[in-house]
Amino acid sequence: MSDPAVTYASYLKIDELLSLQQPRSAAPEHDEMLFIVIHQVYELWFKELLHELDRVRRLLEDGEAHRAQHTLKRILTILKVMVAQLDILETMTPLEFLSFRQRLEAASGFQSDQFRQIEFALGVKSEEGIRRFPQGTRARVALERRYHEPTLWDAFLRYLSREGYSIAESHLTRSVIPPVEPSADIQRVLVDLYHRDTKNAELCERLVDLDEGVQEWRYRHVKMVERTIGGRTGTGGSSGAEYLRETVGRPIFPDLWAIRSQL
């Protein structure tokens, strides 16, 4: 073989990785490096979350509930790490952020296509989220694909149907684009499942963990933004904390929360 031996640096592309942090401030401002590194790390975690969410969906389609649970536990652990990273970001004071904020110009976390992909995979889809990205770009192509793909909840309902639960055909063949709405029929199935099916009740609890983990991330994110910029307009023209606050507390799997008072 003529290829050079694989090393730690070559396998992980360390030289390329370390060249990607390029502050725009003149000095540069000390905290801009932290800001860049944290957000680049977030994008890497988003990539891994999408990788794992796709695996959960495939495992459910293959009827491998235990392996799906294991992967959901990994996803929850990643979400906790993502929340913990906000503690690092919050060591940056408002004045330290303002020292380089204007150099972000139109750049905004609002433009993270990977976070939008995560939302799409979990059932929070919008055409507006796709239109923010130019035709033919990597981001646009990925979002268009996920827009038309079944959500994790759709895969879960099909899994329950194959497990012998009476899931109405209207749920199994629904359009995968609209958000999941609470269903009394599905809730009756889930209540019965919790009372007699330990294996699948545990799977449901892992989905609740996922839902709660995403809500925790959203809450901590909005509090971090409020702490850093208060009520200012967000970068890129977004409404900042006001927009983020609208997403807090919105369940991904409403039926799994609704049955709590019925068990």
C-alpha atoms as a PDB file:
ATOM      1  CA  MET A   1       0.000   0.000   0.000  1.00  0.00           C
ATOM      2  CA  SER A   2       1.311   3.437  -0.971  1.00  0.00           C
ATOM      3  CA  ASP A   3      -0.947   5.387   1.395  1.00  0.00           C
ATOM      4  CA  PRO A   4       0.823   6.901   4.404  1.00  0.00           C
ATOM      5  CA  ALA A   5       0.183   5.339   7.791  1.00  0.00           C
ATOM      6  CA  VAL A   6      -2.887   6.622   9.583  1.00  0.00           C
ATOM      7  CA  THR A   7      -2.057   8.794  12.564  1.00  0.00           C
ATOM      8  CA  TYR A   8      -4.220  10.494  15.175  1.00  0.00           C
ATOM      9  CA  ALA A   9      -3.778  13.811  13.383  1.00  0.00           C
ATOM     10  CA  SER A  10      -4.473  12.482   9.892  1.00  0.00           C
ATOM     11  CA  TYR A  11      -7.494  10.369  10.922  1.00  0.00           C
ATOM     12  CA  LEU A  12      -9.165  13.271  12.748  1.00  0.00           C
ATOM     13  CA  LYS A  13      -7.995  15.934  10.258  1.00  0.00           C
ATOM     14  CA  ILE A  14      -6.539  17.940  13.152  1.00  0.00           C
ATOM     15  CA  ASP A  15      -4.711  20.503  10.996  1.00  0.00           C
ATOM     16  CA  GLU A  16      -7.867  21.248   9.008  1.00  0.00           C
ATOM     17  CA  LEU A  17      -9.975  21.326  12.168  1.00  0.00           C
ATOM     18  CA  LEU A  18      -7.720  23.810  13.962  1.00  0.00           C
ATOM     19  CA  SER A  19      -7.655  26.101  10.934  1.00  0.00           C
ATOM     20  CA  LEU A  20     -11.434  26.648  11.033  1.00  0.00           C
ATOM     21  CA  GLN A  21     -11.515  29.109  13.949  1.00  0.00           C
ATOM     22  CA  GLN A  22     -11.133  32.503  12.308  1.00  0.00           C
ATOM     23  CA  PRO A  23     -12.198  35.473  14.469  1.00  0.00           C
ATOM     24  CA  ARG A  24     -13.339  38.579  12.577  1.00  0.00           C
ATOM     25  CA  SER A  25     -12.493  41.177  15.234  1.00  0.00           C
ATOM     26  CA  ALA A  26      -9.256  43.079  14.755  1.00  0.00           C
ATOM     27  CA  ALA A  27      -7.459  42.354  18.040  1.00  0.00           C
ATOM     28  CA  PRO A  28      -9.073  39.768  18.003  1.00  0.00           C
ATOM     29  CA  GLU A  29     -11.419  40.138  20.951  1.00  0.00           C
ATOM     30  CA  HIS A  30     -10.527  37.439  23.475  1.00  0.00           C
ATOM     31  CA  ASP A  31     -14.024  35.911  23.792  1.00  0.00           C
ATOM     32  CA  GLU A  32     -14.694  35.591  20.084  1.00  0.00           C
ATOM     33  CA  MET A  33     -12.601  32.414  20.016  1.00  0.00           C
ATOM     34  CA  LEU A  34     -14.802  30.861  22.703  1.00  0.00           C
ATOM     35  CA  PHE A  35     -17.928  31.871  20.795  1.00  0.00           C
ATOM     36  CA  ILE A  36     -16.669  30.274  17.583  1.00  0.00           C
ATOM     37  CA  VAL A  37     -15.434  27.052  19.196  1.00  0.00           C
ATOM     38  CA  ILE A  38     -18.661  26.501  21.173  1.00  0.00           C
ATOM     39  CA  HIS A  39     -20.856  26.941  18.113  1.00  0.00           C
ATOM     40  CA  GLN A  40     -18.669  24.782  15.893  1.00  0.00           C
ATOM     41  CA  VAL A  41     -18.834  22.058  18.541  1.00  0.00           C
ATOM     42  CA  TYR A  42     -22.626  22.433  18.602  1.00  0.00           C
ATOM     43  CA  GLU A  43     -22.758  21.845  14.865  1.00  0.00           C
ATOM     44  CA  LEU A  44     -20.719  18.661  15.326  1.00  0.00           C
ATOM     45  CA  TRP A  45     -23.126  17.485  18.036  1.00  0.00           C
ATOM     46  CA  PHE A  46     -26.061  18.329  15.762  1.00  0.00           C
ATOM     47  CA  LYS A  47     -24.474  16.138  13.091  1.00  0.00           C
ATOM     48  CA  GLU A  48     -24.157  13.284  15.577  1.00  0.00           C
ATOM     49  CA  LEU A  49     -27.739  13.739  16.818  1.00  0.00           C
ATOM     50  CA  LEU A  50     -29.033  13.436  13.264  1.00  0.00           C
ATOM     51  CA  HIS A  51     -26.897  10.315  12.803  1.00  0.00           C
ATOM     52  CA  GLU A  52     -28.388   8.774  15.965  1.00  0.00           C
ATOM     53  CA  LEU A  53     -31.990   9.846  15.273  1.00  0.00           C
ATOM     54  CA  ASP A  54     -31.799   8.209  11.856  1.00  0.00           C
ATOM     55  CA  ARG A  55     -30.567   5.047  13.565  1.00  0.00           C
ATOM     56  CA  VAL A  56     -33.441   5.036  16.050  1.00  0.00           C
ATOM     57  CA  ARG A  57     -35.929   5.294  13.222  1.00  0.00           C
ATOM     58  CA  ARG A  58     -34.279   2.410  11.342  1.00  0.00           C
ATOM     59  CA  LEU A  59     -34.173   0.250  14.475  1.00  0.00           C
ATOM     60  CA  LEU A  60     -37.877   0.842  15.103  1.00  0.00           C
ATOM     61  CA  GLU A  61     -38.617  -0.086  11.504  1.00  0.00           C
ATOM     62  CA  ASP A  62     -36.653  -3.308  12.079  1.00  0.00           C
ATOM     63  CA  GLY A  63     -38.491  -4.019  15.356  1.00  0.00           C
ATOM     64  CA  GLU A  64     -35.329  -3.735  17.477  1.00  0.00           C
ATOM     65  CA  ALA A  65     -36.790  -1.906  20.457  1.00  0.00           C
ATOM     66  CA  HIS A  66     -33.970  -2.636  22.909  1.00  0.00           C
ATOM     67  CA  ARG A  67     -31.298  -1.294  20.564  1.00  0.00           C
ATOM     68  CA  ALA A  68     -33.503   1.727  19.847  1.00  0.00           C
ATOM     69  CA  GLN A  69     -33.685   2.369  23.610  1.00  0.00           C
ATOM     70  CA  HIS A  70     -29.908   2.202  23.872  1.00  0.00           C
ATOM     71  CA  THR A  71     -29.528   4.752  21.081  1.00  0.00           C
ATOM     72  CA  LEU A  72     -32.130   7.028  22.674  1.00  0.00           C
ATOM     73  CA  LYS A  73     -30.095   6.959  25.904  1.00  0.00           C
ATOM     74  CA  ARG A  74     -27.047   8.067  23.907  1.00  0.00           C
ATOM     75  CA  ILE A  75     -29.057  10.915  22.373  1.00  0.00           C
ATOM     76  CA  LEU A  76     -30.175  12.046  25.825  1.00  0.00           C
ATOM     77  CA  THR A  77     -26.563  12.043  27.032  1.00  0.00           C
ATOM     78  CA  ILE A  78     -25.535  14.195  24.074  1.00  0.00           C
ATOM     79  CA  LEU A  79     -28.348  16.638  24.865  1.00  0.00           C
ATOM     80  CA  LYS A  80     -27.087  16.916  28.444  1.00  0.00           C
ATOM     81  CA  VAL A  81     -23.583  17.695  27.157  1.00  0.00           C
ATOM     82  CA  MET A  82     -25.064  20.352  24.873  1.00  0.00           C
ATOM     83  CA  VAL A  83     -26.858  21.944  27.817  1.00  0.00           C
ATOM     84  CA  ALA A  84     -23.654  21.843  29.877  1.00  0.00           C
ATOM     85  CA  GLN A  85     -21.825  23.713  27.109  1.00  0.00           C
ATOM     86  CA  LEU A  86     -24.164  26.641  27.715  1.00  0.00           C
ATOM     87  CA  ASP A  87     -22.575  26.940  31.169  1.00  0.00           C
ATOM     88  CA  ILE A  88     -19.280  27.624  29.396  1.00  0.00           C
ATOM     89  CA  LEU A  89     -20.865  30.152  27.055  1.00  0.00           C
ATOM     90  CA  GLU A  90     -22.444  31.949  30.023  1.00  0.00           C
ATOM     91  CA  THR A  91     -18.975  32.708  31.419  1.00  0.00           C
ATOM     92  CA  MET A  92     -18.915  35.358  28.690  1.00  0.00           C
ATOM     93  CA  THR A  93     -20.419  38.583  30.041  1.00  0.00           C
ATOM     94  CA  PRO A  94     -22.790  40.778  27.986  1.00  0.00           C
ATOM     95  CA  LEU A  95     -20.051  43.387  27.496  1.00  0.00           C
ATOM     96  CA  GLU A  96     -17.596  40.742  26.315  1.00  0.00           C
ATOM     97  CA  PHE A  97     -20.107  39.504  23.728  1.00  0.00           C
ATOM     98  CA  LEU A  98     -20.974  43.024  22.599  1.00  0.00           C
ATOM     99  CA  SER A  99     -17.275  43.680  21.960  1.00  0.00           C
ATOM    100  CA  PHE A 100     -17.447  41.554  18.794  1.00  0.00           C
ATOM    101  CA  ARG A 101     -21.178  41.014  18.195  1.00  0.00           C
ATOM    102  CA  GLN A 102     -21.461  43.588  15.401  1.00  0.00           C
ATOM    103  CA  ARG A 103     -18.919  41.627  13.361  1.00  0.00           C
ATOM    104  CA  LEU A 104     -21.343  38.709  13.159  1.00  0.00           C
ATOM    105  CA  GLU A 105     -23.390  40.876  10.753  1.00  0.00           C
ATOM    106  CA  ALA A 106     -26.131  38.614   9.347  1.00  0.00           C
ATOM    107  CA  ALA A 107     -24.775  35.422  10.941  1.00  0.00           C
ATOM    108  CA  SER A 108     -27.191  33.831  13.409  1.00  0.00           C
ATOM    109  CA  GLY A 109     -27.824  30.476  15.061  1.00  0.00           C
ATOM    110  CA  PHE A 110     -31.268  30.894  13.504  1.00  0.00           C
ATOM    111  CA  GLN A 111     -29.506  29.863  10.269  1.00  0.00           C
ATOM    112  CA  SER A 112     -28.337  26.468  11.532  1.00  0.00           C
ATOM    113  CA  ASP A 113     -29.758  24.058   8.987  1.00  0.00           C
ATOM    114  CA  GLN A 114     -28.712  21.061  11.090  1.00  0.00           C
ATOM    115  CA  PHE A 115     -30.800  22.212  14.040  1.00  0.00           C
ATOM    116  CA  ARG A 116     -33.717  22.678  11.624  1.00  0.00           C
ATOM    117  CA  GLN A 117     -33.071  19.131  10.386  1.00  0.00           C
ATOM    118  CA  ILE A 118     -33.328  17.870  13.963  1.00  0.00           C
ATOM    119  CA  GLU A 119     -36.643  19.670  14.335  1.00  0.00           C
ATOM    120  CA  PHE A 120     -37.861  18.166  11.040  1.00  0.00           C
ATOM    121  CA  ALA A 121     -36.843  14.660  12.161  1.00  0.00           C
ATOM    122  CA  LEU A 122     -38.834  15.178  15.360  1.00  0.00           C
ATOM    123  CA  GLY A 123     -41.916  16.499  13.558  1.00  0.00           C
ATOM    124  CA  VAL A 124     -41.477  20.293  13.693  1.00  0.00           C
ATOM    125  CA  LYS A 125     -41.398  21.110   9.973  1.00  0.00           C
ATOM    126  CA  SER A 126     -41.909  24.321   8.023  1.00  0.00           C
ATOM    127  CA  GLU A 127     -41.515  25.423   4.427  1.00  0.00           C
ATOM    128  CA  GLU A 128     -40.183  28.753   5.697  1.00  0.00           C
ATOM    129  CA  GLY A 129     -37.292  26.915   7.324  1.00  0.00           C
ATOM    130  CA  ILE A 130     -36.385  25.479   3.914  1.00  0.00           C
ATOM    131  CA  ARG A 131     -36.743  28.740   2.002  1.00  0.00           C
ATOM    132  CA  ARG A 132     -34.043  30.402   4.104  1.00  0.00           C
ATOM    133  CA  PHE A 133     -31.440  28.397   2.177  1.00  0.00           C
ATOM    134  CA  PRO A 134     -30.627  28.840  -1.543  1.00  0.00           C
ATOM    135  CA  GLN A 135     -31.733  26.245  -4.068  1.00  0.00           C
ATOM    136  CA  GLY A 136     -29.235  23.427  -4.606  1.00  0.00           C
ATOM    137  CA  THR A 137     -27.159  24.069  -1.483  1.00  0.00           C
ATOM    138  CA  ARG A 138     -26.249  21.230   0.870  1.00  0.00           C
ATOM    139  CA  ALA A 139     -28.529  22.677   3.534  1.00  0.00           C
ATOM    140  CA  ARG A 140     -31.529  23.093   1.208  1.00  0.00           C
ATOM    141  CA  VAL A 141     -31.190  19.577  -0.217  1.00  0.00           C
ATOM    142  CA  ALA A 142     -30.920  18.027   3.258  1.00  0.00           C
ATOM    143  CA  LEU A 143     -33.922  19.960   4.593  1.00  0.00           C
ATOM    144  CA  GLU A 144     -36.078  19.127   1.568  1.00  0.00           C
ATOM    145  CA  ARG A 145     -35.284  15.446   2.035  1.00  0.00           C
ATOM    146  CA  ARG A 146     -36.157  15.477   5.733  1.00  0.00           C
ATOM    147  CA  TYR A 147     -39.283  17.526   5.086  1.00  0.00           C
ATOM    148  CA  HIS A 148     -40.747  14.583   3.160  1.00  0.00           C
ATOM    149  CA  GLU A 149     -39.368  11.811   5.386  1.00  0.00           C
ATOM    150  CA  PRO A 150     -41.396  10.134   8.157  1.00  0.00           C
ATOM    151  CA  THR A 151     -40.767  11.568  11.614  1.00  0.00           C
ATOM    152  CA  LEU A 152     -39.590   9.587  14.617  1.00  0.00           C
ATOM    153  CA  TRP A 153     -43.186   9.509  15.887  1.00  0.00           C
ATOM    154  CA  ASP A 154     -44.401   8.058  12.584  1.00  0.00           C
ATOM    155  CA  ALA A 155     -41.798   5.296  12.882  1.00  0.00           C
ATOM    156  CA  PHE A 156     -42.873   4.653  16.472  1.00  0.00           C
ATOM    157  CA  LEU A 157     -46.564   4.292  15.550  1.00  0.00           C
ATOM    158  CA  ARG A 158     -45.713   1.860  12.755  1.00  0.00           C
ATOM    159  CA  TYR A 159     -43.588  -0.087  15.224  1.00  0.00           C
ATOM    160  CA  LEU A 160     -46.534  -0.311  17.662  1.00  0.00           C
ATOM    161  CA  SER A 161     -48.777  -1.495  14.847  1.00  0.00           C
ATOM    162  CA  ARG A 162     -46.347  -4.309  14.034  1.00  0.00           C
ATOM    163  CA  GLU A 163     -46.281  -5.152  17.754  1.00  0.00           C
ATOM    164  CA  GLY A 164     -50.009  -5.876  17.532  1.00  0.00           C
ATOM    165  CA  TYR A 165     -51.464  -2.620  18.813  1.00  0.00           C
ATOM    166  CA  SER A 166     -54.547  -1.234  17.104  1.00  0.00           C
ATOM    167  CA  ILE A 167     -53.245   1.915  15.462  1.00  0.00           C
ATOM    168  CA  ALA A 168     -55.811   3.409  13.088  1.00  0.00           C
ATOM    169  CA  GLU A 169     -54.841   3.444   9.429  1.00  0.00           C
ATOM    170  CA  SER A 170     -55.308   7.214   9.375  1.00  0.00           C
ATOM    171  CA  HIS A 171     -52.339   7.537  11.749  1.00  0.00           C
ATOM    172  CA  LEU A 172     -50.174   5.087   9.833  1.00  0.00           C
ATOM    173  CA  THR A 173     -50.759   6.779   6.483  1.00  0.00           C
ATOM    174  CA  ARG A 174     -50.945  10.415   7.620  1.00  0.00           C
ATOM    175  CA  SER A 175     -48.982  13.095   5.824  1.00  0.00           C
ATOM    176  CA  VAL A 176     -45.580  13.284   7.522  1.00  0.00           C
ATOM    177  CA  ILE A 177     -45.451  17.068   7.103  1.00  0.00           C
ATOM    178  CA  PRO A 178     -47.980  18.505   9.629  1.00  0.00           C
ATOM    179  CA  PRO A 179     -47.022  18.516  13.331  1.00  0.00           C
ATOM    180  CA  VAL A 180     -48.204  15.644  15.499  1.00  0.00           C
ATOM    181  CA  GLU A 181     -51.530  16.486  17.125  1.00  0.00           C
ATOM    182  CA  PRO A 182     -52.856  14.840  20.318  1.00  0.00           C
ATOM    183  CA  SER A 183     -55.129  11.866  19.617  1.00  0.00           C
ATOM    184  CA  ALA A 184     -57.577  10.279  22.049  1.00  0.00           C
ATOM    185  CA  ASP A 185     -57.313   6.992  20.107  1.00  0.00           C
ATOM    186  CA  ILE A 186     -53.529   6.890  20.409  1.00  0.00           C
ATOM    187  CA  GLN A 187     -53.732   7.817  24.080  1.00  0.00           C
ATOM    188  CA  ARG A 188     -56.054   4.871  24.777  1.00  0.00           C
ATOM    189  CA  VAL A 189     -53.535   2.557  23.118  1.00  0.00           C
ATOM    190  CA  LEU A 190     -50.686   4.017  25.148  1.00  0.00           C
ATOM    191  CA  VAL A 191     -52.533   3.733  28.468  1.00  0.00           C
ATOM    192  CA  ASP A 192     -53.210   0.056  27.742  1.00  0.00           C
ATOM    193  CA  LEU A 193     -49.565  -0.423  26.722  1.00  0.00           C
ATOM    194  CA  TYR A 194     -48.246   1.100  29.960  1.00  0.00           C
ATOM    195  CA  HIS A 195     -50.383  -1.240  32.062  1.00  0.00           C
ATOM    196  CA  ARG A 196     -49.394  -4.508  30.410  1.00  0.00           C
ATOM    197  CA  ASP A 197     -46.256  -4.128  28.274  1.00  0.00           C
ATOM    198  CA  THR A 198     -43.098  -3.312  30.230  1.00  0.00           C
ATOM    199  CA  LYS A 199     -40.787  -3.484  27.218  1.00  0.00           C
ATOM    200  CA  ASN A 200     -42.659  -0.922  25.180  1.00  0.00           C
ATOM    201  CA  ALA A 201     -43.536   1.198  28.202  1.00  0.00           C
ATOM    202  CA  GLU A 202     -39.790   1.627  28.735  1.00  0.00           C
ATOM    203  CA  LEU A 203     -39.416   2.624  25.090  1.00  0.00           C
ATOM    204  CA  CYS A 204     -42.132   5.234  25.597  1.00  0.00           C
ATOM    205  CA  GLU A 205     -40.260   6.590  28.615  1.00  0.00           C
ATOM    206  CA  ARG A 206     -37.108   6.985  26.546  1.00  0.00           C
ATOM    207  CA  LEU A 207     -39.117   9.043  24.049  1.00  0.00           C
ATOM    208  CA  VAL A 208     -40.358  11.178  26.945  1.00  0.00           C
ATOM    209  CA  ASP A 209     -36.720  11.575  28.026  1.00  0.00           C
ATOM    210  CA  LEU A 210     -35.886  12.784  24.517  1.00  0.00           C
ATOM    211  CA  ASP A 211     -38.788  15.231  24.526  1.00  0.00           C
ATOM    212  CA  GLU A 212     -37.803  16.564  27.944  1.00  0.00           C
ATOM    213  CA  GLY A 213     -34.147  16.804  26.907  1.00  0.00           C
ATOM    214  CA  VAL A 214     -34.990  18.931  23.864  1.00  0.00           C
ATOM    215  CA  GLN A 215     -37.230  21.158  25.998  1.00  0.00           C
ATOM    216  CA  GLU A 216     -34.435  21.559  28.561  1.00  0.00           C
ATOM    217  CA  TRP A 217     -32.034  22.585  25.792  1.00  0.00           C
ATOM    218  CA  ARG A 218     -34.556  25.131  24.472  1.00  0.00           C
ATOM    219  CA  TYR A 219     -35.151  26.590  27.941  1.00  0.00           C
ATOM    220  CA  ARG A 220     -31.459  26.898  28.787  1.00  0.00           C
ATOM    221  CA  HIS A 221     -30.772  28.380  25.349  1.00  0.00           C
ATOM    222  CA  VAL A 222     -33.365  31.129  25.755  1.00  0.00           C
ATOM    223  CA  LYS A 223     -32.144  31.962  29.269  1.00  0.00           C
ATOM    224  CA  MET A 224     -28.579  32.194  27.983  1.00  0.00           C
ATOM    225  CA  VAL A 225     -29.692  34.599  25.233  1.00  0.00           C
ATOM    226  CA  GLU A 226     -31.693  36.699  27.706  1.00  0.00           C
ATOM    227  CA  ARG A 227     -28.704  36.800  30.034  1.00  0.00           C
ATOM    228  CA  THR A 228     -26.348  37.866  27.251  1.00  0.00           C
ATOM    229  CA  ILE A 229     -28.340  40.324  25.098  1.00  0.00           C
ATOM    230  CA  GLY A 230     -31.553  40.877  27.080  1.00  0.00           C
ATOM    231  CA  GLY A 231     -34.410  42.004  24.830  1.00  0.00           C
ATOM    232  CA  ARG A 232     -32.225  43.128  21.923  1.00  0.00           C
ATOM    233  CA  THR A 233     -32.959  41.957  18.397  1.00  0.00           C
ATOM    234  CA  GLY A 234     -31.019  38.779  17.642  1.00  0.00           C
ATOM    235  CA  THR A 235     -28.167  38.538  15.165  1.00  0.00           C
ATOM    236  CA  GLY A 236     -29.246  38.034  11.575  1.00  0.00           C
ATOM    237  CA  GLY A 237     -32.412  40.067  12.247  1.00  0.00           C
ATOM    238  CA  SER A 238     -34.110  37.380  14.351  1.00  0.00           C
ATOM    239  CA  SER A 239     -36.214  38.475  17.313  1.00  0.00           C
ATOM    240  CA  GLY A 240     -33.668  37.006  19.714  1.00  0.00           C
ATOM    241  CA  ALA A 241     -34.999  35.725  23.025  1.00  0.00           C
ATOM    242  CA  GLU A 242     -38.600  36.516  22.039  1.00  0.00           C
ATOM    243  CA  TYR A 243     -38.497  33.986  19.191  1.00  0.00           C
ATOM    244  CA  LEU A 244     -36.734  31.354  21.282  1.00  0.00           C
ATOM    245  CA  ARG A 245     -39.216  31.789  24.138  1.00  0.00           C
ATOM    246  CA  GLU A 246     -42.073  30.782  21.819  1.00  0.00           C
ATOM    247  CA  THR A 247     -40.531  27.333  21.367  1.00  0.00           C
ATOM    248  CA  VAL A 248     -40.094  26.567  25.093  1.00  0.00           C
ATOM    249  CA  GLY A 249     -42.465  24.004  26.582  1.00  0.00           C
ATOM    250  CA  ARG A 250     -43.852  22.838  23.242  1.00  0.00           C
ATOM    251  CA  PRO A 251     -43.981  19.013  23.440  1.00  0.00           C
ATOM    252  CA  ILE A 252     -42.690  16.875  20.587  1.00  0.00           C
ATOM    253  CA  PHE A 253     -44.806  13.850  21.518  1.00  0.00           C
ATOM    254  CA  PRO A 254     -47.997  15.348  23.044  1.00  0.00           C
ATOM    255  CA  ASP A 255     -49.764  12.009  23.540  1.00  0.00           C
ATOM    256  CA  LEU A 256     -46.996  10.703  25.806  1.00  0.00           C
ATOM    257  CA  TRP A 257     -47.499  13.725  28.060  1.00  0.00           C
ATOM    258  CA  ALA A 258     -51.313  13.663  27.918  1.00  0.00           C
ATOM    259  CA  ILE A 259     -51.561  10.122  29.301  1.00  0.00           C
ATOM    260  CA  ARG A 260     -49.753  11.035  32.548  1.00  0.00           C
ATOM    261  CA  SER A 261     -53.068  11.946  34.178  1.00  0.00           C
ATOM    262  CA  GLN A 262     -54.721   8.789  32.831  1.00  0.00           C
ATOM    263  CA  LEU A 263     -52.352   6.140  34.173  1.00  0.00           C
END
